[in-house]
Protein backbone atom coordinates (compact mmCIF):
# COMPACT_ATOMS: atom_id res chain seq x y z
CA MET A 1 173.04 125.81 -33.08
CA SER A 2 173.88 129.46 -32.56
CA GLN A 3 177.09 128.78 -30.59
CA LYS A 4 180.20 127.57 -32.35
CA TYR A 5 183.45 126.75 -30.60
CA GLU A 6 186.24 126.75 -33.16
CA THR A 7 189.17 127.16 -30.76
CA ILE A 8 189.54 124.87 -27.75
CA SER A 9 191.96 125.50 -24.90
CA VAL A 10 192.92 122.49 -22.80
CA VAL A 11 194.39 123.41 -19.40
CA GLY A 12 196.46 120.53 -18.07
CA GLY A 13 199.12 118.62 -19.98
CA GLY A 14 198.77 115.24 -18.27
CA ALA A 15 197.49 112.09 -19.97
CA TRP A 16 193.80 113.02 -19.95
CA GLY A 17 194.38 116.63 -20.99
CA THR A 18 196.56 115.46 -23.87
CA ALA A 19 193.94 112.90 -24.93
CA LEU A 20 191.22 115.57 -24.97
CA ALA A 21 193.47 117.89 -26.96
CA GLN A 22 193.90 115.06 -29.47
CA VAL A 23 190.12 114.58 -29.69
CA ALA A 24 189.45 118.29 -30.24
CA ALA A 25 192.15 118.50 -32.92
CA LYS A 26 190.78 115.44 -34.73
CA ALA A 27 187.34 117.09 -34.60
CA GLY A 28 188.80 119.98 -36.61
CA ARG A 29 189.23 122.49 -33.84
CA LYS A 30 192.24 124.74 -33.32
CA VAL A 31 193.74 123.49 -30.04
CA VAL A 32 196.01 125.10 -27.47
CA LEU A 33 197.29 122.75 -24.74
CA TRP A 34 198.62 124.42 -21.60
CA ALA A 35 201.12 122.44 -19.53
CA ARG A 36 203.11 123.47 -16.48
CA GLU A 37 206.05 121.22 -17.41
CA ALA A 38 208.41 122.85 -19.92
CA GLU A 39 209.48 119.43 -21.20
CA VAL A 40 205.88 118.58 -22.10
CA VAL A 41 205.44 121.86 -24.01
CA GLU A 42 208.68 121.29 -25.89
CA ALA A 43 207.95 117.64 -26.77
CA VAL A 44 204.39 118.32 -27.96
CA ASN A 45 205.51 121.18 -30.20
CA ALA A 46 208.74 119.62 -31.48
CA SER A 47 207.92 115.93 -31.84
CA HIS A 48 204.11 115.83 -31.45
CA GLU A 49 204.25 113.46 -28.48
CA ASN A 50 203.75 113.83 -24.74
CA ARG A 51 206.64 111.60 -23.68
CA THR A 52 206.14 112.34 -19.98
CA PHE A 53 202.47 111.39 -19.55
CA LEU A 54 201.32 109.68 -22.76
CA PRO A 55 204.40 108.15 -24.40
CA GLY A 56 204.27 106.31 -27.68
CA ILE A 57 201.11 107.96 -29.02
CA PRO A 58 201.55 110.33 -31.99
CA LEU A 59 199.65 113.58 -31.50
CA ASP A 60 197.88 115.66 -34.11
CA PRO A 61 200.36 118.30 -35.39
CA LYS A 62 197.61 120.94 -35.07
CA ILE A 63 197.93 120.82 -31.26
CA ARG A 64 200.04 123.72 -30.03
CA ALA A 65 201.38 123.56 -26.49
CA THR A 66 202.13 126.58 -24.31
CA GLY A 67 203.21 127.41 -20.80
CA ASN A 68 201.58 130.86 -20.95
CA ILE A 69 198.36 130.93 -18.91
CA ALA A 70 197.02 134.00 -20.75
CA GLU A 71 197.30 132.13 -24.06
CA ALA A 72 195.41 129.21 -22.55
CA ALA A 73 192.46 131.49 -21.80
CA GLU A 74 192.03 132.61 -25.41
CA GLY A 75 190.00 129.62 -26.63
CA ASP A 76 186.28 129.84 -27.36
CA ALA A 77 185.87 127.16 -24.67
CA LEU A 78 188.19 125.93 -21.90
CA LEU A 79 188.61 122.30 -20.90
CA MET A 80 189.98 122.22 -17.34
CA VAL A 81 191.95 119.01 -16.86
CA THR A 82 194.18 119.91 -13.92
CA PRO A 83 193.91 117.63 -10.84
CA ALA A 84 190.94 118.35 -8.58
CA GLN A 85 193.07 119.50 -5.64
CA HIS A 86 194.79 122.12 -7.85
CA MET A 87 191.68 123.25 -9.71
CA ARG A 88 190.91 126.30 -7.57
CA ARG A 89 194.40 127.73 -7.97
CA MET A 90 194.34 127.26 -11.74
CA LEU A 91 190.90 128.82 -12.07
CA GLU A 92 192.02 131.81 -10.02
CA GLU A 93 195.05 132.24 -12.31
CA LEU A 94 192.85 132.10 -15.39
CA ALA A 95 189.98 134.23 -14.07
CA PRO A 96 191.38 137.68 -15.03
CA HIS A 97 191.72 136.49 -18.65
CA VAL A 98 188.29 134.84 -19.07
CA PRO A 99 185.35 136.99 -20.25
CA GLU A 100 181.81 136.58 -18.96
CA GLY A 101 179.88 133.62 -20.33
CA LYS A 102 182.81 131.62 -21.70
CA PRO A 103 182.20 127.86 -21.25
CA VAL A 104 184.58 126.28 -18.76
CA VAL A 105 184.34 122.49 -18.88
CA LEU A 106 185.48 120.67 -15.74
CA CYS A 107 187.16 117.42 -16.83
CA ALA A 108 188.79 116.38 -13.53
CA LYS A 109 187.01 113.93 -11.23
CA GLY A 110 187.18 114.73 -7.55
CA ILE A 111 186.04 116.81 -4.59
CA GLU A 112 188.17 119.55 -3.07
CA GLN A 113 189.60 118.01 0.09
CA SER A 114 190.13 121.25 2.02
CA THR A 115 186.53 122.50 1.62
CA ASN A 116 184.47 119.40 0.64
CA CYS A 117 183.28 121.43 -2.36
CA LEU A 118 182.28 119.94 -5.69
CA LEU A 119 184.38 121.35 -8.51
CA THR A 120 181.35 123.21 -9.88
CA GLU A 121 181.20 125.02 -6.53
CA VAL A 122 184.92 125.77 -6.76
CA LEU A 123 184.37 127.18 -10.26
CA ALA A 124 181.46 129.34 -9.06
CA GLU A 125 183.69 130.87 -6.38
CA ALA A 126 186.91 131.23 -8.39
CA MET A 127 185.45 132.22 -11.77
CA PRO A 128 181.82 133.27 -11.25
CA ARG A 129 181.45 134.84 -14.71
CA ALA A 130 182.07 131.57 -16.58
CA THR A 131 179.43 129.21 -17.93
CA PRO A 132 180.07 125.93 -16.07
CA ALA A 133 180.04 122.53 -17.73
CA VAL A 134 181.21 119.03 -16.77
CA LEU A 135 182.69 116.28 -18.95
CA SER A 136 182.84 112.85 -17.34
CA GLY A 137 182.41 109.19 -18.19
CA PRO A 138 184.17 105.84 -18.71
CA SER A 139 187.39 106.75 -20.47
CA PHE A 140 191.05 105.80 -20.35
CA ALA A 141 193.32 108.50 -21.73
CA ALA A 142 195.50 106.22 -23.87
CA GLU A 143 192.48 104.59 -25.51
CA VAL A 144 190.87 107.95 -26.26
CA ALA A 145 194.13 109.36 -27.67
CA ARG A 146 194.47 106.32 -29.96
CA GLY A 147 190.94 106.87 -31.29
CA LEU A 148 189.29 103.82 -29.71
CA PRO A 149 185.48 104.12 -29.27
CA THR A 150 184.45 106.02 -26.12
CA ALA A 151 181.25 107.67 -24.88
CA VAL A 152 180.99 110.32 -22.14
CA THR A 153 178.51 112.71 -20.55
CA LEU A 154 178.82 116.45 -21.23
CA ALA A 155 176.62 118.45 -18.86
CA CYS A 156 175.68 122.13 -18.85
CA GLU A 157 172.56 123.81 -17.48
CA ASP A 158 172.21 125.54 -20.86
CA GLU A 159 171.54 122.55 -23.08
CA ALA A 160 172.25 124.60 -26.21
CA VAL A 161 175.79 125.13 -24.92
CA ALA A 162 176.10 121.44 -24.04
CA GLU A 163 174.96 120.48 -27.54
CA ALA A 164 177.34 122.94 -29.20
CA LEU A 165 180.28 121.72 -27.09
CA SER A 166 179.41 118.12 -27.95
CA HIS A 167 179.52 118.95 -31.66
CA ALA A 168 182.78 120.89 -31.19
CA ILE A 169 184.71 117.95 -29.75
CA GLY A 170 182.60 114.97 -30.81
CA LEU A 171 183.88 112.30 -33.19
CA PRO A 172 182.44 109.01 -34.43
CA ALA A 173 184.73 107.31 -31.89
CA PHE A 174 184.34 109.94 -29.13
CA ARG A 175 180.67 110.42 -28.41
CA PRO A 176 179.57 113.06 -25.88
CA TYR A 177 175.96 112.62 -24.72
CA TYR A 178 174.75 116.00 -23.47
CA SER A 179 172.80 116.64 -20.28
CA SER A 180 171.70 119.52 -18.05
CA ASP A 181 172.53 117.66 -14.81
CA LEU A 182 175.85 119.10 -13.62
CA VAL A 183 175.73 117.55 -10.15
CA GLY A 184 174.87 114.11 -11.47
CA ALA A 185 177.69 114.20 -14.02
CA GLU A 186 180.15 115.38 -11.40
CA ILE A 187 179.34 113.22 -8.37
CA GLY A 188 179.64 109.93 -10.25
CA GLY A 189 183.21 110.63 -11.32
CA ALA A 190 184.26 111.73 -7.84
CA VAL A 191 182.75 108.82 -5.91
CA LYS A 192 183.70 106.06 -8.35
CA ASN A 193 187.39 106.86 -7.79
CA VAL A 194 186.97 106.08 -4.10
CA LEU A 195 185.05 102.89 -4.81
CA ALA A 196 187.68 101.80 -7.34
CA ILE A 197 190.29 101.80 -4.57
CA ALA A 198 188.04 99.43 -2.62
CA CYS A 199 187.66 97.14 -5.65
CA GLY A 200 191.41 97.16 -6.13
CA ILE A 201 191.89 96.06 -2.52
CA VAL A 202 189.48 93.17 -3.16
CA GLU A 203 191.57 92.20 -6.18
CA GLY A 204 194.84 92.54 -4.27
CA LYS A 205 193.51 90.33 -1.47
CA LYS A 206 192.43 87.76 -4.10
CA PHE A 207 188.85 87.67 -2.82
CA GLY A 208 187.54 86.75 -6.28
CA ASP A 209 185.20 88.10 -8.94
CA SER A 210 182.04 87.53 -6.89
CA ALA A 211 183.33 89.77 -4.11
CA ARG A 212 184.31 92.49 -6.59
CA ALA A 213 180.88 92.36 -8.24
CA ALA A 214 179.17 92.63 -4.86
CA LEU A 215 181.36 95.54 -3.83
CA THR A 216 180.76 97.36 -7.13
CA THR A 217 177.00 96.94 -6.77
CA ARG A 218 176.86 98.05 -3.14
CA GLY A 219 179.21 100.89 -4.03
CA PHE A 220 176.82 102.02 -6.74
CA ALA A 221 174.06 102.08 -4.12
CA GLU A 222 176.24 104.44 -2.03
CA LEU A 223 177.01 106.63 -5.05
CA THR A 224 173.29 106.83 -5.87
CA ARG A 225 172.25 107.73 -2.32
CA LEU A 226 174.74 110.58 -2.15
CA GLY A 227 173.95 111.81 -5.66
CA LEU A 228 170.22 111.94 -4.97
CA ALA A 229 170.83 113.76 -1.68
CA LEU A 230 172.80 116.40 -3.60
CA GLY A 231 170.04 116.82 -6.20
CA ALA A 232 171.32 114.64 -9.04
CA LYS A 233 168.92 112.92 -11.43
CA PRO A 234 168.67 109.11 -11.13
CA GLU A 235 169.09 108.65 -14.89
CA THR A 236 172.39 110.55 -14.82
CA LEU A 237 173.71 108.40 -11.97
CA ALA A 238 172.70 105.27 -13.92
CA GLY A 239 174.31 106.65 -17.09
CA LEU A 240 177.79 107.04 -18.50
CA SER A 241 179.19 109.41 -15.86
CA GLY A 242 177.88 107.27 -12.99
CA LEU A 243 177.38 103.56 -13.48
CA GLY A 244 179.37 103.52 -16.72
CA ASP A 245 182.45 105.07 -15.19
CA LEU A 246 182.11 102.88 -12.10
CA ILE A 247 182.05 99.68 -14.18
CA LEU A 248 185.19 100.68 -16.07
CA THR A 249 187.19 101.90 -13.10
CA CYS A 250 186.32 98.99 -10.82
CA ASN A 251 187.21 96.33 -13.35
CA SER A 252 190.53 97.29 -14.87
CA PRO A 253 194.00 97.52 -13.31
CA LYS A 254 194.67 100.22 -15.93
CA SER A 255 192.63 102.47 -13.63
CA ARG A 256 194.99 104.50 -11.45
CA ASN A 257 192.64 104.19 -8.49
CA MET A 258 191.99 100.47 -8.83
CA SER A 259 195.69 99.76 -9.31
CA LEU A 260 196.45 101.76 -6.17
CA GLY A 261 193.90 99.71 -4.23
CA LEU A 262 195.34 96.51 -5.68
CA ALA A 263 198.78 97.45 -4.38
CA LEU A 264 197.29 98.25 -0.95
CA GLY A 265 195.59 94.85 -0.94
CA GLU A 266 198.92 93.20 -1.74
CA GLY A 267 200.43 94.79 1.37
CA LYS A 268 202.23 97.87 0.05
CA THR A 269 201.98 101.13 1.94
CA LEU A 270 200.36 104.21 0.46
CA GLU A 271 203.70 106.05 0.67
CA GLU A 272 205.45 103.30 -1.34
CA ILE A 273 202.76 103.36 -4.03
CA MET A 274 202.61 107.14 -4.42
CA SER A 275 206.41 107.49 -4.58
CA GLN A 276 206.50 105.32 -7.69
CA ARG A 277 203.91 107.33 -9.68
CA ASN A 278 203.92 110.52 -11.70
CA SER A 279 200.12 110.54 -12.07
CA VAL A 280 197.36 111.45 -9.63
CA SER A 281 194.99 108.93 -8.03
CA GLU A 282 192.12 111.30 -7.23
CA GLY A 283 190.31 108.81 -4.99
CA VAL A 284 193.00 109.14 -2.30
CA HIS A 285 192.29 112.86 -1.93
CA SER A 286 188.52 112.69 -2.46
CA ALA A 287 187.79 109.88 0.01
CA THR A 288 187.66 112.02 3.14
CA ALA A 289 185.67 114.72 1.33
CA VAL A 290 183.12 112.16 0.08
CA VAL A 291 182.65 110.87 3.61
CA ALA A 292 182.30 114.42 4.97
CA LEU A 293 179.60 115.17 2.39
CA ALA A 294 177.83 111.92 3.23
CA ARG A 295 177.72 112.82 6.91
CA LYS A 296 176.50 116.33 6.12
CA TYR A 297 173.56 114.92 4.17
CA HIS A 298 173.01 111.93 6.54
CA VAL A 299 173.86 109.38 3.84
CA GLU A 300 175.27 105.99 4.82
CA MET A 301 178.41 105.12 2.81
CA PRO A 302 180.29 102.34 4.62
CA ILE A 303 182.52 101.40 1.67
CA ALA A 304 183.62 104.97 1.05
CA GLU A 305 184.21 105.39 4.79
CA ALA A 306 186.32 102.23 4.82
CA VAL A 307 188.52 103.59 2.02
CA ALA A 308 188.85 106.95 3.80
CA ASN A 309 189.98 105.17 6.97
CA ILE A 310 192.61 103.18 5.06
CA VAL A 311 194.13 106.04 3.01
CA SER A 312 194.18 108.34 6.05
CA GLY A 313 195.97 105.71 8.13
CA ARG A 314 193.18 105.42 10.71
CA ALA A 315 192.78 101.68 10.09
CA SER A 316 194.61 98.85 8.36
CA VAL A 317 193.27 97.03 5.31
CA ASP A 318 192.61 93.84 7.28
CA GLU A 319 190.87 95.64 10.16
CA THR A 320 188.65 97.51 7.71
CA ILE A 321 187.67 94.39 5.77
CA ALA A 322 186.79 92.58 9.00
CA ALA A 323 184.59 95.49 10.09
CA LEU A 324 182.74 95.57 6.74
CA LEU A 325 182.11 91.82 6.77
CA ALA A 326 180.80 92.02 10.33
CA ARG A 327 178.07 94.53 9.44
CA PRO A 328 174.54 93.30 10.27
CA PHE A 329 172.32 91.79 7.57
CA ARG A 330 169.73 94.20 6.19
CA SER A 331 167.28 94.84 3.38
CA GLU A 332 168.98 95.48 0.03
CA THR A 333 166.89 98.59 -0.55
């Protein structure tokens, strides 16, 4: 490998950003973690803990936190872990400080609601000189930060860069599998968040495991149809960043999106749920964008459309479920 990434900058001091900073530090890299919240910067530097977003997990003392965006751009590679709906603004802030060709790894899972753009498209517009990459897969931040075994997809069109990045942050318990399929790695993470809300609603309504399995399977069919329409490779969609992430997120209340759906299924309003959280449930924001993309490419996605109708207030949970169950019988394929 000709490329070596000794210094890693992680932009975003939430739970996932902190977990990735922990991984990179354990892999022997020098790590700078940028956070907007002054209390996060202070706690990480003073007590080696992110008490706001990842409490109770000791962090590697080699992680240095900063609130200075110029410092965050100094790493050999940047991991962008800010929420999808804020990604463009952060990339634009960083752009003047990032030289041509620097790898920028998109680690958020979502689609920009205002433009229906994939985050790789946002990166191409906001920071066109960067080398784009995507990290996605079945991963809970707290488990990763504690060093529990996890595998993810790391995609870059330049496979040499993808391989070098994988070696830079890879550990025996954090295994990046590299790929050249950016779209495939990205679309799985964005769509599975929407489908996880649907699975949470099934759980909240106490429809049973059979219903959740059916919904997950039919949801994967929707994810695959959209991914293929956008140019993704089938093997990527059936891999860690697609099917793998879907299985995890649709089967654990630890998932922010599934837990949000569960609360909706139990009768809580979206406003009630969101007011009690300090973390982002990306599926709420991506649902309408996923549906817009599906319509643009003439892809049928009834489950995603149902979730979009619920989170936008166009239909109630019960009305939406009744409409889905009343759909005509058809061939599975």
